[in-house]
Structure formats: structure tokens, C-alpha cells
C-alpha atoms as a PDB file:
ATOM      1  CA  UNK A   1      15.326  -9.198  43.799  1.00  0.00           C
ATOM      2  CA  UNK A   2      13.264 -11.887  45.353  1.00  0.00           C
ATOM      3  CA  UNK A   3      10.316 -12.027  43.328  1.00  0.00           C
ATOM      4  CA  UNK A   4      10.440  -9.250  40.548  1.00  0.00           C
ATOM      5  CA  UNK A   5       7.136  -8.462  38.912  1.00  0.00           C
ATOM      6  CA  UNK A   6       5.835  -6.070  36.628  1.00  0.00           C
ATOM      7  CA  UNK A   7       5.072  -3.577  39.405  1.00  0.00           C
ATOM      8  CA  UNK A   8       8.562  -3.557  40.586  1.00  0.00           C
ATOM      9  CA  UNK A   9      10.061  -3.123  36.821  1.00  0.00           C
ATOM     10  CA  UNK A  10       8.016  -0.399  36.203  1.00  0.00           C
ATOM     11  CA  UNK A  11       8.557   1.243  39.384  1.00  0.00           C
ATOM     12  CA  UNK A  12      12.406   1.076  38.797  1.00  0.00           C
ATOM     13  CA  UNK A  13      12.382   2.250  35.437  1.00  0.00           C
ATOM     14  CA  UNK A  14       9.979   5.435  36.975  1.00  0.00           C
ATOM     15  CA  UNK A  15      12.822   6.072  39.619  1.00  0.00           C
ATOM     16  CA  UNK A  16      15.562   5.903  36.915  1.00  0.00           C
ATOM     17  CA  UNK A  17      14.011   8.752  34.831  1.00  0.00           C
ATOM     18  CA  UNK A  18      15.620  11.739  33.297  1.00  0.00           C
ATOM     19  CA  UNK A  19      12.910  14.607  32.175  1.00  0.00           C
ATOM     20  CA  UNK A  20      16.215  16.048  30.970  1.00  0.00           C
ATOM     21  CA  UNK A  21      17.434  12.975  28.826  1.00  0.00           C
ATOM     22  CA  UNK A  22      13.573  12.340  27.841  1.00  0.00           C
ATOM     23  CA  UNK A  23      13.517  15.456  25.628  1.00  0.00           C
ATOM     24  CA  UNK A  24      16.903  14.707  24.122  1.00  0.00           C
ATOM     25  CA  UNK A  25      15.582  11.498  23.094  1.00  0.00           C
ATOM     26  CA  UNK A  26      12.373  12.461  21.755  1.00  0.00           C
ATOM     27  CA  UNK A  27      14.402  14.674  19.476  1.00  0.00           C
ATOM     28  CA  UNK A  28      16.700  11.973  18.598  1.00  0.00           C
ATOM     29  CA  UNK A  29      14.251   9.635  18.038  1.00  0.00           C
ATOM     30  CA  UNK A  30      12.350  11.746  15.597  1.00  0.00           C
ATOM     31  CA  UNK A  31       8.995  12.216  17.641  1.00  0.00           C
ATOM     32  CA  UNK A  32       7.977  15.492  15.541  1.00  0.00           C
ATOM     33  CA  UNK A  33       4.670  15.512  13.733  1.00  0.00           C
ATOM     34  CA  UNK A  34       5.237  13.767  10.621  1.00  0.00           C
ATOM     35  CA  UNK A  35       8.442  12.108  11.470  1.00  0.00           C
ATOM     36  CA  UNK A  36       8.927   8.230  11.501  1.00  0.00           C
ATOM     37  CA  UNK A  37       8.714   8.266  15.682  1.00  0.00           C
ATOM     38  CA  UNK A  38       5.710  10.667  15.995  1.00  0.00           C
ATOM     39  CA  UNK A  39       4.017  10.587  18.941  1.00  0.00           C
ATOM     40  CA  UNK A  40       6.595   8.152  20.797  1.00  0.00           C
ATOM     41  CA  UNK A  41       7.310   9.206  24.761  1.00  0.00           C
ATOM     42  CA  UNK A  42      10.327   8.631  26.789  1.00  0.00           C
ATOM     43  CA  UNK A  43      11.371   8.313  30.665  1.00  0.00           C
ATOM     44  CA  UNK A  44      14.804   9.307  29.795  1.00  0.00           C
ATOM     45  CA  UNK A  45      16.762   6.316  31.143  1.00  0.00           C
ATOM     46  CA  UNK A  46      19.980   5.047  29.612  1.00  0.00           C
ATOM     47  CA  UNK A  47      20.152   1.956  27.701  1.00  0.00           C
ATOM     48  CA  UNK A  48      22.831   0.193  30.214  1.00  0.00           C
ATOM     49  CA  UNK A  49      20.460   0.917  32.723  1.00  0.00           C
ATOM     50  CA  UNK A  50      17.441  -0.319  31.071  1.00  0.00           C
ATOM     51  CA  UNK A  51      19.331  -3.711  30.491  1.00  0.00           C
ATOM     52  CA  UNK A  52      20.129  -4.176  33.674  1.00  0.00           C
ATOM     53  CA  UNK A  53      16.221  -3.448  34.682  1.00  0.00           C
ATOM     54  CA  UNK A  54      15.269  -6.027  32.148  1.00  0.00           C
ATOM     55  CA  UNK A  55      17.797  -8.718  33.319  1.00  0.00           C
ATOM     56  CA  UNK A  56      16.430  -8.189  36.736  1.00  0.00           C
ATOM     57  CA  UNK A  57      13.064  -9.081  35.559  1.00  0.00           C
ATOM     58  CA  UNK A  58      13.808 -11.493  32.521  1.00  0.00           C
ATOM     59  CA  UNK A  59      11.339 -13.999  33.938  1.00  0.00           C
ATOM     60  CA  UNK A  60       8.072 -11.951  33.767  1.00  0.00           C
ATOM     61  CA  UNK A  61       5.554 -14.071  31.837  1.00  0.00           C
ATOM     62  CA  UNK A  62       4.054 -12.921  28.695  1.00  0.00           C
ATOM     63  CA  UNK A  63       1.485 -11.212  29.629  1.00  0.00           C
ATOM     64  CA  UNK A  64       2.995  -8.863  31.594  1.00  0.00           C
ATOM     65  CA  UNK A  65       5.475  -8.635  28.819  1.00  0.00           C
ATOM     66  CA  UNK A  66       2.662  -7.483  26.430  1.00  0.00           C
ATOM     67  CA  UNK A  67       1.184  -5.043  28.858  1.00  0.00           C
ATOM     68  CA  UNK A  68       5.113  -3.234  28.289  1.00  0.00           C
ATOM     69  CA  UNK A  69       4.791  -3.438  24.360  1.00  0.00           C
ATOM     70  CA  UNK A  70       1.482  -1.577  24.100  1.00  0.00           C
ATOM     71  CA  UNK A  71       2.755   1.080  26.367  1.00  0.00           C
ATOM     72  CA  UNK A  72       2.968   4.585  25.111  1.00  0.00           C
ATOM     73  CA  UNK A  73       6.663   4.639  26.594  1.00  0.00           C
ATOM     74  CA  UNK A  74       9.464   3.819  24.697  1.00  0.00           C
ATOM     75  CA  UNK A  75      11.594   2.512  27.410  1.00  0.00           C
ATOM     76  CA  UNK A  76       8.744   0.117  28.222  1.00  0.00           C
ATOM     77  CA  UNK A  77       8.499  -1.385  24.930  1.00  0.00           C
ATOM     78  CA  UNK A  78      12.832  -1.570  24.979  1.00  0.00           C
ATOM     79  CA  UNK A  79      12.661  -3.352  28.032  1.00  0.00           C
ATOM     80  CA  UNK A  80       9.850  -6.007  26.815  1.00  0.00           C
ATOM     81  CA  UNK A  81      12.076  -6.631  23.934  1.00  0.00           C
ATOM     82  CA  UNK A  82      15.051  -6.844  26.296  1.00  0.00           C
ATOM     83  CA  UNK A  83      13.294  -9.689  28.449  1.00  0.00           C
ATOM     84  CA  UNK A  84      12.237 -11.344  25.263  1.00  0.00           C
ATOM     85  CA  UNK A  85      15.701 -11.444  24.012  1.00  0.00           C
ATOM     86  CA  UNK A  86      17.133 -12.921  27.200  1.00  0.00           C
ATOM     87  CA  UNK A  87      14.274 -15.475  27.089  1.00  0.00           C
ATOM     88  CA  UNK A  88      15.058 -16.783  23.668  1.00  0.00           C
ATOM     89  CA  UNK A  89      18.089 -17.414  24.380  1.00  0.00           C
ATOM     90  CA  UNK A  90      17.791 -19.552  27.382  1.00  0.00           C
ATOM     91  CA  UNK A  91      14.559 -21.194  26.151  1.00  0.00           C
ATOM     92  CA  UNK A  92      14.072 -24.631  25.015  1.00  0.00           C
ATOM     93  CA  UNK A  93      12.950 -25.287  21.084  1.00  0.00           C
ATOM     94  CA  UNK A  94       9.452 -25.370  21.990  1.00  0.00           C
ATOM     95  CA  UNK A  95       9.489 -21.927  23.969  1.00  0.00           C
ATOM     96  CA  UNK A  96      11.907 -20.413  21.473  1.00  0.00           C
ATOM     97  CA  UNK A  97       8.766 -20.954  18.934  1.00  0.00           C
ATOM     98  CA  UNK A  98       6.378 -19.203  21.331  1.00  0.00           C
ATOM     99  CA  UNK A  99       8.612 -16.178  21.673  1.00  0.00           C
ATOM    100  CA  UNK A 100       9.222 -16.179  17.989  1.00  0.00           C
ATOM    101  CA  UNK A 101       5.603 -15.832  17.197  1.00  0.00           C
ATOM    102  CA  UNK A 102       4.655 -13.544  19.952  1.00  0.00           C
ATOM    103  CA  UNK A 103       7.125 -11.273  18.570  1.00  0.00           C
ATOM    104  CA  UNK A 104       5.915 -11.297  15.280  1.00  0.00           C
ATOM    105  CA  UNK A 105       2.163 -10.851  16.459  1.00  0.00           C
ATOM    106  CA  UNK A 106       3.535  -7.696  17.833  1.00  0.00           C
ATOM    107  CA  UNK A 107       5.562  -5.742  15.299  1.00  0.00           C
ATOM    108  CA  UNK A 108       2.728  -3.075  15.430  1.00  0.00           C
ATOM    109  CA  UNK A 109       4.788  -1.927  18.837  1.00  0.00           C
ATOM    110  CA  UNK A 110       8.186  -2.722  17.619  1.00  0.00           C
ATOM    111  CA  UNK A 111       8.255   0.846  16.015  1.00  0.00           C
ATOM    112  CA  UNK A 112      11.606   2.397  15.959  1.00  0.00           C
ATOM    113  CA  UNK A 113      15.185   1.382  14.727  1.00  0.00           C
ATOM    114  CA  UNK A 114      16.365   0.484  18.062  1.00  0.00           C
ATOM    115  CA  UNK A 115      13.880  -1.332  19.094  1.00  0.00           C
ATOM    116  CA  UNK A 116      13.869  -3.571  15.768  1.00  0.00           C
ATOM    117  CA  UNK A 117      18.074  -3.543  15.666  1.00  0.00           C
ATOM    118  CA  UNK A 118      18.428  -4.800  19.240  1.00  0.00           C
ATOM    119  CA  UNK A 119      15.867  -7.693  18.752  1.00  0.00           C
ATOM    120  CA  UNK A 120      15.343  -8.902  15.433  1.00  0.00           C
ATOM    121  CA  UNK A 121      18.239 -10.531  14.695  1.00  0.00           C
ATOM    122  CA  UNK A 122      18.218 -12.172  18.165  1.00  0.00           C
ATOM    123  CA  UNK A 123      14.773 -13.372  17.777  1.00  0.00           C
ATOM    124  CA  UNK A 124      13.561 -13.792  14.311  1.00  0.00           C
ATOM    125  CA  UNK A 125      17.048 -14.087  12.618  1.00  0.00           C
ATOM    126  CA  UNK A 126      18.211 -17.071  15.356  1.00  0.00           C
ATOM    127  CA  UNK A 127      15.088 -18.830  15.064  1.00  0.00           C
ATOM    128  CA  UNK A 128      15.077 -18.832  11.316  1.00  0.00           C
ATOM    129  CA  UNK A 129      18.740 -19.996  11.099  1.00  0.00           C
ATOM    130  CA  UNK A 130      17.408 -23.572  10.670  1.00  0.00           C
ATOM    131  CA  UNK A 131      14.188 -22.922   9.354  1.00  0.00           C
ATOM    132  CA  UNK A 132      12.544 -21.805   5.892  1.00  0.00           C
ATOM    133  CA  UNK A 133      12.473 -17.912   5.522  1.00  0.00           C
ATOM    134  CA  UNK A 134       9.393 -17.083   3.453  1.00  0.00           C
ATOM    135  CA  UNK A 135       8.526 -14.622   6.477  1.00  0.00           C
ATOM    136  CA  UNK A 136      11.107 -12.500   5.663  1.00  0.00           C
ATOM    137  CA  UNK A 137       9.835 -11.720   1.908  1.00  0.00           C
ATOM    138  CA  UNK A 138       6.636 -11.201   3.337  1.00  0.00           C
ATOM    139  CA  UNK A 139       8.166  -8.697   5.642  1.00  0.00           C
ATOM    140  CA  UNK A 140      10.088  -7.097   2.847  1.00  0.00           C
ATOM    141  CA  UNK A 141       6.484  -6.566   1.314  1.00  0.00           C
ATOM    142  CA  UNK A 142       4.958  -4.809   4.136  1.00  0.00           C
ATOM    143  CA  UNK A 143       3.528  -1.230   4.125  1.00  0.00           C
ATOM    144  CA  UNK A 144       5.027  -1.258   7.581  1.00  0.00           C
ATOM    145  CA  UNK A 145       8.252   0.617   7.779  1.00  0.00           C
ATOM    146  CA  UNK A 146       9.498  -1.414  10.809  1.00  0.00           C
ATOM    147  CA  UNK A 147       8.740  -4.992   9.058  1.00  0.00           C
ATOM    148  CA  UNK A 148      10.908  -4.176   6.435  1.00  0.00           C
ATOM    149  CA  UNK A 149      13.373  -3.298   8.806  1.00  0.00           C
ATOM    150  CA  UNK A 150      12.634  -6.318  10.586  1.00  0.00           C
ATOM    151  CA  UNK A 151      13.420  -8.350   7.227  1.00  0.00           C
ATOM    152  CA  UNK A 152      16.672  -6.919   6.420  1.00  0.00           C
ATOM    153  CA  UNK A 153      17.898  -6.485  10.055  1.00  0.00           C
ATOM    154  CA  UNK A 154      17.151 -10.121  10.488  1.00  0.00           C
ATOM    155  CA  UNK A 155      19.598 -11.381   8.475  1.00  0.00           C
ATOM    156  CA  UNK A 156      22.495 -10.278  10.492  1.00  0.00           C
ATOM    157  CA  UNK A 157      22.100 -13.828  12.429  1.00  0.00           C
ATOM    158  CA  UNK A 158      22.598 -15.494   9.081  1.00  0.00           C
ATOM    159  CA  UNK A 159      25.675 -13.311   8.181  1.00  0.00           C
ATOM    160  CA  UNK A 160      27.131 -13.984  11.407  1.00  0.00           C
ATOM    161  CA  UNK A 161      26.833 -18.026  10.586  1.00  0.00           C
ATOM    162  CA  UNK A 162      28.178 -17.024   7.100  1.00  0.00           C
ATOM    163  CA  UNK A 163      25.045 -17.592   5.555  1.00  0.00           C
ATOM    164  CA  UNK A 164      24.878 -14.278   2.973  1.00  0.00           C
ATOM    165  CA  UNK A 165      22.362 -15.597   0.347  1.00  0.00           C
ATOM    166  CA  UNK A 166      19.146 -13.994   2.300  1.00  0.00           C
ATOM    167  CA  UNK A 167      20.922 -10.709   2.895  1.00  0.00           C
ATOM    168  CA  UNK A 168      21.477 -10.116  -0.831  1.00  0.00           C
ATOM    169  CA  UNK A 169      17.900 -11.306  -1.511  1.00  0.00           C
ATOM    170  CA  UNK A 170      16.233  -9.185   0.771  1.00  0.00           C
ATOM    171  CA  UNK A 171      18.240  -5.991  -0.189  1.00  0.00           C
ATOM    172  CA  UNK A 172      17.355  -6.769  -3.829  1.00  0.00           C
ATOM    173  CA  UNK A 173      13.963  -6.698  -2.802  1.00  0.00           C
ATOM    174  CA  UNK A 174      14.078  -3.293  -0.911  1.00  0.00           C
ATOM    175  CA  UNK A 175      16.096  -1.487  -3.520  1.00  0.00           C
ATOM    176  CA  UNK A 176      13.102   0.907  -4.150  1.00  0.00           C
ATOM    177  CA  UNK A 177      12.157   1.584  -0.878  1.00  0.00           C
ATOM    178  CA  UNK A 178      11.662   5.460  -0.267  1.00  0.00           C
ATOM    179  CA  UNK A 179      12.297   5.445   3.368  1.00  0.00           C
ATOM    180  CA  UNK A 180      16.270   6.590   4.409  1.00  0.00           C
ATOM    181  CA  UNK A 181      15.910   4.094   7.842  1.00  0.00           C
ATOM    182  CA  UNK A 182      15.471   1.003   5.054  1.00  0.00           C
ATOM    183  CA  UNK A 183      18.620   2.487   2.772  1.00  0.00           C
ATOM    184  CA  UNK A 184      20.583   2.809   5.941  1.00  0.00           C
ATOM    185  CA  UNK A 185      19.698  -0.940   6.821  1.00  0.00           C
ATOM    186  CA  UNK A 186      20.267  -2.448   3.861  1.00  0.00           C
ATOM    187  CA  UNK A 187      23.692  -0.671   3.593  1.00  0.00           C
ATOM    188  CA  UNK A 188      24.958  -1.689   6.826  1.00  0.00           C
ATOM    189  CA  UNK A 189      23.634  -5.431   5.977  1.00  0.00           C
ATOM    190  CA  UNK A 190      25.488  -5.081   2.554  1.00  0.00           C
ATOM    191  CA  UNK A 191      28.285  -4.014   4.390  1.00  0.00           C
ATOM    192  CA  UNK A 192      28.233  -6.807   6.760  1.00  0.00           C
ATOM    193  CA  UNK A 193      27.644  -9.508   4.501  1.00  0.00           C
ATOM    194  CA  UNK A 194      30.541  -8.149   2.188  1.00  0.00           C
ATOM    195  CA  UNK A 195      33.410  -8.977   5.312  1.00  0.00           C
ATOM    196  CA  UNK A 196      33.226 -12.429   4.196  1.00  0.00           C
ATOM    197  CA  UNK A 197      31.773 -12.333   0.951  1.00  0.00           C
ATOM    198  CA  UNK A 198      33.387  -9.315  -0.802  1.00  0.00           C
ATOM    199  CA  UNK A 199      33.096 -10.716  -4.137  1.00  0.00           C
ATOM    200  CA  UNK A 200      29.597 -10.997  -4.090  1.00  0.00           C
ATOM    201  CA  UNK A 201      29.013  -7.808  -2.603  1.00  0.00           C
ATOM    202  CA  UNK A 202      30.823  -5.950  -5.504  1.00  0.00           C
ATOM    203  CA  UNK A 203      29.063  -7.947  -8.109  1.00  0.00           C
ATOM    204  CA  UNK A 204      25.668  -6.789  -6.157  1.00  0.00           C
ATOM    205  CA  UNK A 205      26.525  -3.277  -5.959  1.00  0.00           C
ATOM    206  CA  UNK A 206      27.843  -3.021  -9.756  1.00  0.00           C
ATOM    207  CA  UNK A 207      24.429  -4.923 -10.882  1.00  0.00           C
ATOM    208  CA  UNK A 208      22.295  -2.659  -8.750  1.00  0.00           C
ATOM    209  CA  UNK A 209      24.247   0.513  -9.016  1.00  0.00           C
ATOM    210  CA  UNK A 210      21.461   2.280 -11.104  1.00  0.00           C
ATOM    211  CA  UNK A 211      18.996   1.097  -8.405  1.00  0.00           C
ATOM    212  CA  UNK A 212      20.714   1.275  -5.249  1.00  0.00           C
ATOM    213  CA  UNK A 213      19.728   4.231  -2.779  1.00  0.00           C
ATOM    214  CA  UNK A 214      23.288   6.787  -2.412  1.00  0.00           C
ATOM    215  CA  UNK A 215      22.994   6.201   1.387  1.00  0.00           C
ATOM    216  CA  UNK A 216      22.674   2.642   1.129  1.00  0.00           C
ATOM    217  CA  UNK A 217      26.055   2.707  -1.378  1.00  0.00           C
ATOM    218  CA  UNK A 218      27.797   4.930   1.182  1.00  0.00           C
ATOM    219  CA  UNK A 219      27.176   2.301   3.867  1.00  0.00           C
ATOM    220  CA  UNK A 220      27.825  -0.643   2.131  1.00  0.00           C
ATOM    221  CA  UNK A 221      31.170   0.285   0.606  1.00  0.00           C
ATOM    222  CA  UNK A 222      32.385   1.776   4.246  1.00  0.00           C
ATOM    223  CA  UNK A 223      35.625  -0.691   4.385  1.00  0.00           C
ATOM    224  CA  UNK A 224      37.147  -0.288   0.994  1.00  0.00           C
ATOM    225  CA  UNK A 225      39.961   2.253   0.702  1.00  0.00           C
ATOM    226  CA  UNK A 226      39.046   5.631   0.015  1.00  0.00           C
ATOM    227  CA  UNK A 227      40.225   5.588  -3.950  1.00  0.00           C
ATOM    228  CA  UNK A 228      37.939   2.527  -3.969  1.00  0.00           C
ATOM    229  CA  UNK A 229      35.034   4.154  -2.704  1.00  0.00           C
ATOM    230  CA  UNK A 230      35.711   7.112  -5.227  1.00  0.00           C
ATOM    231  CA  UNK A 231      35.414   5.115  -8.380  1.00  0.00           C
ATOM    232  CA  UNK A 232      32.375   2.867  -6.896  1.00  0.00           C
ATOM    233  CA  UNK A 233      30.440   5.865  -5.726  1.00  0.00           C
ATOM    234  CA  UNK A 234      31.010   6.996  -9.772  1.00  0.00           C
ATOM    235  CA  UNK A 235      29.805   3.501 -10.557  1.00  0.00           C
ATOM    236  CA  UNK A 236      33.414   2.184 -11.611  1.00  0.00           C
ATOM    237  CA  UNK A 237      33.704  -1.127  -9.857  1.00  0.00           C
ATOM    238  CA  UNK A 238      36.510  -2.460 -12.613  1.00  0.00           C
ATOM    239  CA  UNK A 239      39.485  -4.266 -10.443  1.00  0.00           C
ATOM    240  CA  UNK A 240      37.523  -3.536  -7.085  1.00  0.00           C
END
């Protein structure tokens, strides 16, 4: 595409829309009254298609991305975040700072688990790899579900770099969280951190067994043997 614009991006997304898939997506992402994705609207576009469209428009300016992020349509927000990730990967340090700040200024619109998971580690996590990480503690204390998920999911960038301390620290902060989507994210992060630090994972699980949500525990121990999982679910960590 010679000169991709916001108009051409919106046209491509509209052309790729599938009403049947949109209905399925609305159910999958829990958009009913009282559910975590209440009110979200979908065009019904497969993720690989969204990604291709996003990459063709990866040079869109921040003003255009702001418009996408504030859209009621889920795919508009997904594509905006895909573009931000692509821009961050190719950016200078100064540009990365601007993208990171823009991202944190727009967490209101990063409002479903797929939006968080596909962007937080690659922008927030990567940016903080060599910087102070107090912002993650602030996000972990937020009343906003998605900011709390950003806090723990961002640490996947640290895990990939062999740094597990923050994952365990943020997981500890979120032990009392009431939302299942946080339980799942905490367990997922603990499981991944445990790949390189199995003893530290077992120690964490043992120390916090009484407070650890069952869902988080089940996710965290997925890589252990069936016999070990059975014992740990019962609170027996001896010899694991």
C-alpha cells in the first residue's frame, strides 16, 4: 500500500467483517450485562487478518491510534495495539518512551484480556526491563481490573530475560484479588517463572498456599507430574 491512512485501515477492517464470527466473539469475550466485557462490540475478524492489516498500517501517527483506541469496536482497539507494539519494536529509546507513556495514558481502552496480553509484555514489560518498576506496584493496586492484569502480564518480559523477582512480588500483591481473570494471569505467570526457577516457585506456593486462589494454583502447577500436582493441590509440597 503506497500511503496507508486511518481511512484505508477502517475500510479494510470493514471489508473483513463477519457477522457470524462477531456474534461468536461477543459470547467468547463475555460482553453480556454484568460480565467483564459488557458492551464491547465486534466486527468479527480473525486475529491473523487483523495483524496483517495492522502491519500494513504500522506507520500511522499517534493521533490516528488514539481514535482507534477510543472506538467501541474491539478490533479497532486490537489493531491500534498491534501497531503500537510494532512501532515500539522499531523505535529509538526516545520514541519508546513516548509510546510507553501513551500506552499508560490509555489503559481505560485496553479493556479485555486479549488486548492486555497482546501488548503489555511487549510495551510496558520491555520498556521496564532496564528501568525502575514501581509503576507495576501502582497498577497492581488499581481498582481497574485491566490495569491489575497489565501489572502481572507485563512481567512476562522479565521472565523471558531470566528475571523472576518482580513476577513473584506482583503475584503476592494480587493473591487477595477477587477476579478470576487475575487468578488465571497470576497462575500463568507463576508457571512460566517456574520454568527457570522451580524451587522458588514451589517455595512461593508453599508459603502462600492458604491464600492462593485455587485457579491460580492449578495454572501454576501445570508442568508438574500428575502425582506432584495432586499432592500440591492438597497442600503437600514435601520433596517436590
